[in-house]
C-alpha atoms as a PDB file:
ATOM      1  CA  MET A   1     140.754 103.807 153.408  1.00  0.00           C
ATOM      2  CA  GLY A   2     140.868 100.585 151.937  1.00  0.00           C
ATOM      3  CA  LYS A   3     140.548  98.928 148.450  1.00  0.00           C
ATOM      4  CA  LYS A   4     137.434  99.622 147.211  1.00  0.00           C
ATOM      5  CA  VAL A   5     136.078  95.346 146.284  1.00  0.00           C
ATOM      6  CA  ALA A   6     132.407  95.766 146.304  1.00  0.00           C
ATOM      7  CA  SER A   7     130.567  97.713 143.102  1.00  0.00           C
ATOM      8  CA  ALA A   8     127.385  98.095 141.959  1.00  0.00           C
ATOM      9  CA  TYR A   9     125.503  99.592 138.579  1.00  0.00           C
ATOM     10  CA  VAL A  10     122.596 101.569 139.701  1.00  0.00           C
ATOM     11  CA  LEU A  11     119.853 102.298 137.292  1.00  0.00           C
ATOM     12  CA  ILE A  12     118.133 105.749 138.480  1.00  0.00           C
ATOM     13  CA  ASN A  13     114.909 106.911 137.294  1.00  0.00           C
ATOM     14  CA  THR A  14     114.561 110.727 138.243  1.00  0.00           C
ATOM     15  CA  GLU A  15     111.463 113.168 138.549  1.00  0.00           C
ATOM     16  CA  ILE A  16     110.929 114.986 134.937  1.00  0.00           C
ATOM     17  CA  GLY A  17     114.116 117.265 134.283  1.00  0.00           C
ATOM     18  CA  GLY A  18     115.919 116.514 137.454  1.00  0.00           C
ATOM     19  CA  GLU A  19     118.940 114.574 136.096  1.00  0.00           C
ATOM     20  CA  GLU A  20     121.478 117.683 136.286  1.00  0.00           C
ATOM     21  CA  ASP A  21     120.064 118.112 139.905  1.00  0.00           C
ATOM     22  CA  VAL A  22     120.737 114.273 140.822  1.00  0.00           C
ATOM     23  CA  ILE A  23     124.043 114.060 138.713  1.00  0.00           C
ATOM     24  CA  ALA A  24     125.383 117.120 141.072  1.00  0.00           C
ATOM     25  CA  GLN A  25     124.257 114.940 144.183  1.00  0.00           C
ATOM     26  CA  LEU A  26     125.998 111.856 143.218  1.00  0.00           C
ATOM     27  CA  LYS A  27     129.208 114.221 142.343  1.00  0.00           C
ATOM     28  CA  ASP A  28     129.596 114.699 145.862  1.00  0.00           C
ATOM     29  CA  MET A  29     129.841 111.356 146.692  1.00  0.00           C
ATOM     30  CA  PRO A  30     132.932 109.925 147.070  1.00  0.00           C
ATOM     31  CA  GLU A  31     131.412 106.402 146.318  1.00  0.00           C
ATOM     32  CA  VAL A  32     130.664 107.216 143.013  1.00  0.00           C
ATOM     33  CA  GLU A  33     132.829 106.799 140.530  1.00  0.00           C
ATOM     34  CA  GLU A  34     130.783 107.447 137.308  1.00  0.00           C
ATOM     35  CA  VAL A  35     127.760 108.626 135.880  1.00  0.00           C
ATOM     36  CA  SER A  36     125.991 108.684 132.738  1.00  0.00           C
ATOM     37  CA  VAL A  37     122.800 109.863 131.507  1.00  0.00           C
ATOM     38  CA  VAL A  38     121.007 107.630 129.441  1.00  0.00           C
ATOM     39  CA  TYR A  39     118.099 107.090 127.396  1.00  0.00           C
ATOM     40  CA  GLY A  40     115.125 104.426 127.984  1.00  0.00           C
ATOM     41  CA  VAL A  41     113.150 103.430 130.825  1.00  0.00           C
ATOM     42  CA  TYR A  42     115.808 104.896 133.457  1.00  0.00           C
ATOM     43  CA  ASP A  43     117.658 108.584 133.384  1.00  0.00           C
ATOM     44  CA  ILE A  44     121.115 108.148 134.556  1.00  0.00           C
ATOM     45  CA  VAL A  45     123.373 104.767 135.211  1.00  0.00           C
ATOM     46  CA  ALA A  46     125.620 105.455 138.367  1.00  0.00           C
ATOM     47  CA  LYS A  47     129.243 103.201 139.248  1.00  0.00           C
ATOM     48  CA  ILE A  48     128.885 102.893 142.795  1.00  0.00           C
ATOM     49  CA  THR A  49     132.284 101.304 144.793  1.00  0.00           C
ATOM     50  CA  SER A  50     132.629 100.460 148.345  1.00  0.00           C
ATOM     51  CA  GLU A  51     135.339  98.544 151.110  1.00  0.00           C
ATOM     52  CA  THR A  52     132.535  96.033 151.449  1.00  0.00           C
ATOM     53  CA  MET A  53     129.535  94.567 150.042  1.00  0.00           C
ATOM     54  CA  GLU A  54     127.705  96.036 153.246  1.00  0.00           C
ATOM     55  CA  LEU A  55     128.630  99.752 153.123  1.00  0.00           C
ATOM     56  CA  LEU A  56     127.693  98.968 149.392  1.00  0.00           C
ATOM     57  CA  LYS A  57     124.239  98.040 150.375  1.00  0.00           C
ATOM     58  CA  GLU A  58     124.102 100.661 153.144  1.00  0.00           C
ATOM     59  CA  ASN A  59     125.454 103.353 150.985  1.00  0.00           C
ATOM     60  CA  ILE A  60     122.934 102.466 147.808  1.00  0.00           C
ATOM     61  CA  THR A  61     120.184 102.340 150.404  1.00  0.00           C
ATOM     62  CA  THR A  62     120.793 105.070 152.562  1.00  0.00           C
ATOM     63  CA  LYS A  63     122.213 107.848 150.201  1.00  0.00           C
ATOM     64  CA  VAL A  64     121.552 107.401 146.475  1.00  0.00           C
ATOM     65  CA  ARG A  65     117.988 106.233 147.153  1.00  0.00           C
ATOM     66  CA  HIS A  66     117.123 109.432 149.555  1.00  0.00           C
ATOM     67  CA  LEU A  67     118.509 112.011 146.790  1.00  0.00           C
ATOM     68  CA  ASN A  68     116.611 114.782 146.221  1.00  0.00           C
ATOM     69  CA  LYS A  69     114.551 113.885 143.063  1.00  0.00           C
ATOM     70  CA  VAL A  70     114.970 110.229 142.863  1.00  0.00           C
ATOM     71  CA  ARG A  71     112.019 108.487 141.722  1.00  0.00           C
ATOM     72  CA  SER A  72     113.077 105.120 141.642  1.00  0.00           C
ATOM     73  CA  THR A  73     116.239 102.855 141.230  1.00  0.00           C
ATOM     74  CA  MET A  74     117.127  99.421 140.233  1.00  0.00           C
ATOM     75  CA  THR A  75     120.633  97.895 141.529  1.00  0.00           C
ATOM     76  CA  MET A  76     122.665  95.655 139.614  1.00  0.00           C
ATOM     77  CA  ILE A  77     125.532  94.141 142.055  1.00  0.00           C
ATOM     78  CA  ALA A  78     128.909  93.338 139.938  1.00  0.00           C
ATOM     79  CA  ALA A  79     130.102  89.852 140.003  1.00  0.00           C
ATOM     80  CA  GLU A  80     133.428  90.117 138.397  1.00  0.00           C
ATOM     81  CA  SER A  81     134.499  93.643 136.814  1.00  0.00           C
ATOM     82  CA  ARG A  82     137.128  93.489 134.001  1.00  0.00           C
ATOM     83  CA  VAL A  83     139.756  96.164 132.910  1.00  0.00           C
ATOM     84  CA  LEU A  84     139.390  95.518 128.537  1.00  0.00           C
ATOM     85  CA  LYS A  85     141.179  99.251 127.841  1.00  0.00           C
ATOM     86  CA  LYS A  86     143.090 101.669 129.642  1.00  0.00           C
END
């Protein structure tokens, strides 16, 4: 597997009470690096990484958006990432 150079933050709106089910499914996806439960319009934010932008789009479109109990998503493609603390 090559270096993961494309990343995105996917804001996920779940069915009511479906957060844990969606998180369990995301956990099984190797492309998912981080997941947070959040308050507000969306229920979950997931950081997704892939080797290419094309693969990233495919993973979000064909995998994340089709998970059981996902109602809607909003994707923010990362233009540049920086590690501030280790």
